[in-house]
Amino acid sequence: MPRWKALSDELDPQVREFAGQLRRLVDRGGLSIAAVADRTGYSKTSWERYLSGRLLAPRGAIVALAEATGTSQVHLTTMWELAERAWSRSEMGQDMATEPIRISRARASLPLVPQQPPHRTGGGGADRCGGGRRRLAVLLAGAVGVLLVLAGAVLLTGAGR
């Protein structure tokens, strides 16, 4: 009976290659998953997930595995970076595909609450609270800017003499 179950066909090729490389390192070192866990400080359950391709190992686990097996960290972390990009693309694709479903479920779970009209200020205008202050601040900042430009023009042209 083979030691490893076949990796899922749904895995991105980069992730599949990376998981295969991790398996070869463990095999070449003659290590059990428990021994890998002991030597790296990551749990046996985590390593089972990493080696099966169900979860991408964190960079720290890869560095620890390289040290435990006497493998080049540079080579292994380069492979990890490629797998991490592929993993991220794959997750983003899944998120984009499932986002409309999540939105509709979230909307369906919200209680129906009547929509409240926006709060109006007492001045008879249609500003929301704070909107009038924001408009005043922008107006004052613009006025100060215009005054600075005029003062600069007067000083540069010498019209103030």
Protein backbone atom coordinates (compact mmCIF):
# COMPACT_ATOMS: atom_id res chain seq x y z
CA MET A 1 0.00 0.00 0.00
CA PRO A 2 1.43 3.43 -0.94
CA ARG A 3 2.37 5.77 1.87
CA TRP A 4 0.59 8.81 0.45
CA LYS A 5 -2.92 9.23 -0.93
CA ALA A 6 -3.07 10.74 -4.41
CA LEU A 7 -3.23 14.53 -4.44
CA SER A 8 -6.51 16.03 -5.60
CA ASP A 9 -6.83 16.73 -9.33
CA GLU A 10 -8.41 20.05 -8.38
CA LEU A 11 -5.16 21.38 -6.92
CA ASP A 12 -3.33 24.06 -8.88
CA PRO A 13 -0.27 22.50 -10.60
CA GLN A 14 2.13 24.70 -8.57
CA VAL A 15 0.53 23.63 -5.30
CA ARG A 16 0.52 19.99 -6.45
CA GLU A 17 4.23 20.16 -7.30
CA PHE A 18 5.03 21.81 -3.98
CA ALA A 19 3.11 19.22 -1.94
CA GLY A 20 4.86 16.48 -3.92
CA GLN A 21 8.24 18.06 -3.14
CA LEU A 22 7.40 18.16 0.57
CA ARG A 23 6.43 14.47 0.44
CA ARG A 24 9.71 13.57 -1.29
CA LEU A 25 11.70 15.44 1.38
CA VAL A 26 9.90 13.58 4.16
CA ASP A 27 10.40 10.25 2.37
CA ARG A 28 14.07 10.94 1.61
CA GLY A 29 14.66 11.78 5.27
CA GLY A 30 12.95 8.53 6.31
CA LEU A 31 10.71 10.54 8.63
CA SER A 32 7.24 9.78 9.87
CA ILE A 33 4.75 12.61 10.10
CA ALA A 34 5.12 12.48 13.89
CA ALA A 35 8.90 12.88 13.53
CA VAL A 36 8.43 15.83 11.16
CA ALA A 37 6.09 17.41 13.72
CA ASP A 38 8.63 16.89 16.51
CA ARG A 39 11.50 18.34 14.51
CA THR A 40 9.65 21.34 13.12
CA GLY A 41 7.44 22.39 16.02
CA TYR A 42 4.28 22.18 13.88
CA SER A 43 1.61 19.66 14.83
CA LYS A 44 1.13 16.26 13.24
CA THR A 45 -2.37 17.29 12.15
CA SER A 46 -0.98 20.40 10.45
CA TRP A 47 1.63 18.35 8.58
CA GLU A 48 -1.03 15.89 7.46
CA ARG A 49 -2.91 18.83 5.94
CA TYR A 50 0.21 20.33 4.36
CA LEU A 51 1.34 17.02 2.84
CA SER A 52 -2.13 16.21 1.51
CA GLY A 53 -2.48 19.58 -0.20
CA ARG A 54 -5.51 20.54 1.90
CA LEU A 55 -3.65 23.49 3.41
CA LEU A 56 -0.61 25.44 2.29
CA ALA A 57 2.16 25.23 4.86
CA PRO A 58 3.26 28.57 6.33
CA ARG A 59 6.73 29.79 5.42
CA GLY A 60 8.01 29.07 8.94
CA ALA A 61 7.04 25.40 8.64
CA ILE A 62 8.89 25.17 5.34
CA VAL A 63 12.03 26.72 6.81
CA ALA A 64 11.82 24.31 9.76
CA LEU A 65 11.37 21.32 7.39
CA ALA A 66 14.39 22.42 5.35
CA GLU A 67 16.48 22.55 8.52
CA ALA A 68 15.16 19.17 9.70
CA THR A 69 15.96 17.48 6.38
CA GLY A 70 19.17 19.33 5.51
CA THR A 71 17.59 20.83 2.39
CA SER A 72 18.35 24.22 0.88
CA GLN A 73 16.01 26.80 2.36
CA VAL A 74 16.39 29.00 -0.72
CA HIS A 75 15.12 26.33 -3.10
CA LEU A 76 12.26 25.29 -0.84
CA THR A 77 11.11 28.84 -0.05
CA THR A 78 11.20 29.72 -3.76
CA MET A 79 8.90 26.78 -4.46
CA TRP A 80 6.73 27.87 -1.52
CA GLU A 81 6.42 31.41 -2.92
CA LEU A 82 5.21 30.05 -6.27
CA ALA A 83 2.75 27.73 -4.52
CA GLU A 84 1.58 30.55 -2.26
CA ARG A 85 0.78 32.76 -5.28
CA ALA A 86 -1.12 29.90 -6.91
CA TRP A 87 -2.95 29.20 -3.65
CA SER A 88 -3.94 32.86 -3.34
CA ARG A 89 -5.18 32.95 -6.95
CA SER A 90 -7.18 29.81 -6.32
CA GLU A 91 -8.74 31.23 -3.15
CA MET A 92 -9.54 34.49 -4.91
CA GLY A 93 -11.26 32.59 -7.70
CA GLN A 94 -13.32 30.66 -5.19
CA ASP A 95 -14.19 33.87 -3.36
CA MET A 96 -15.29 35.55 -6.59
CA ALA A 97 -17.45 32.56 -7.50
CA THR A 98 -19.11 32.25 -4.10
CA GLU A 99 -19.43 35.96 -3.27
CA PRO A 100 -22.90 36.42 -4.84
CA ILE A 101 -24.14 33.40 -2.88
CA ARG A 102 -22.76 34.76 0.39
CA ILE A 103 -24.27 38.18 -0.26
CA SER A 104 -27.72 36.75 -0.98
CA ARG A 105 -27.53 34.54 2.14
CA ALA A 106 -26.48 37.51 4.26
CA ARG A 107 -29.31 39.63 2.90
CA ALA A 108 -31.80 36.83 3.52
CA SER A 109 -30.69 36.53 7.14
CA LEU A 110 -31.14 40.26 7.86
CA PRO A 111 -34.36 41.22 9.63
CA LEU A 112 -36.68 43.44 7.64
CA VAL A 113 -36.39 46.90 9.19
CA PRO A 114 -38.11 49.93 7.69
CA GLN A 115 -35.66 52.35 6.10
CA GLN A 116 -35.23 55.56 8.16
CA PRO A 117 -34.98 58.86 6.29
CA PRO A 118 -31.67 60.67 6.68
CA HIS A 119 -31.38 62.97 9.69
CA ARG A 120 -31.95 66.58 8.69
CA THR A 121 -30.48 69.68 10.23
CA GLY A 122 -32.74 72.33 11.74
CA GLY A 123 -31.72 74.96 9.16
CA GLY A 124 -34.21 73.68 6.62
CA GLY A 125 -31.45 72.34 4.35
CA ALA A 126 -31.10 68.71 3.30
CA ASP A 127 -27.65 68.15 4.90
CA ARG A 128 -27.01 65.11 7.04
CA CYS A 129 -25.50 65.73 10.47
CA GLY A 130 -21.95 66.97 10.07
CA GLY A 131 -22.38 67.66 6.35
CA GLY A 132 -22.77 71.39 6.93
CA ARG A 133 -19.62 71.52 9.04
CA ARG A 134 -17.69 69.62 6.41
CA ARG A 135 -18.87 72.00 3.68
CA LEU A 136 -17.91 75.01 5.82
CA ALA A 137 -14.44 73.58 6.47
CA VAL A 138 -13.88 73.02 2.75
CA LEU A 139 -15.08 76.54 1.98
CA LEU A 140 -12.76 78.06 4.59
CA ALA A 141 -9.80 76.00 3.37
CA GLY A 142 -10.47 77.20 -0.18
CA ALA A 143 -10.66 80.81 0.96
CA VAL A 144 -7.37 80.52 2.84
CA GLY A 145 -5.79 78.98 -0.25
CA VAL A 146 -6.98 81.83 -2.46
CA LEU A 147 -5.64 84.40 0.03
CA LEU A 148 -2.24 82.67 0.10
CA VAL A 149 -2.05 82.67 -3.69
CA LEU A 150 -2.98 86.38 -3.83
CA ALA A 151 -0.42 87.25 -1.16
CA GLY A 152 2.25 85.31 -3.04
CA ALA A 153 1.39 87.11 -6.28
CA VAL A 154 1.59 90.50 -4.61
CA LEU A 155 4.98 89.71 -3.08
CA LEU A 156 6.42 88.31 -6.30
CA THR A 157 5.27 91.17 -8.51
CA GLY A 158 6.32 93.85 -6.05
CA ALA A 159 2.90 95.49 -6.20
CA GLY A 160 2.98 95.95 -2.44
CA ARG A 161 5.68 98.71 -2.60
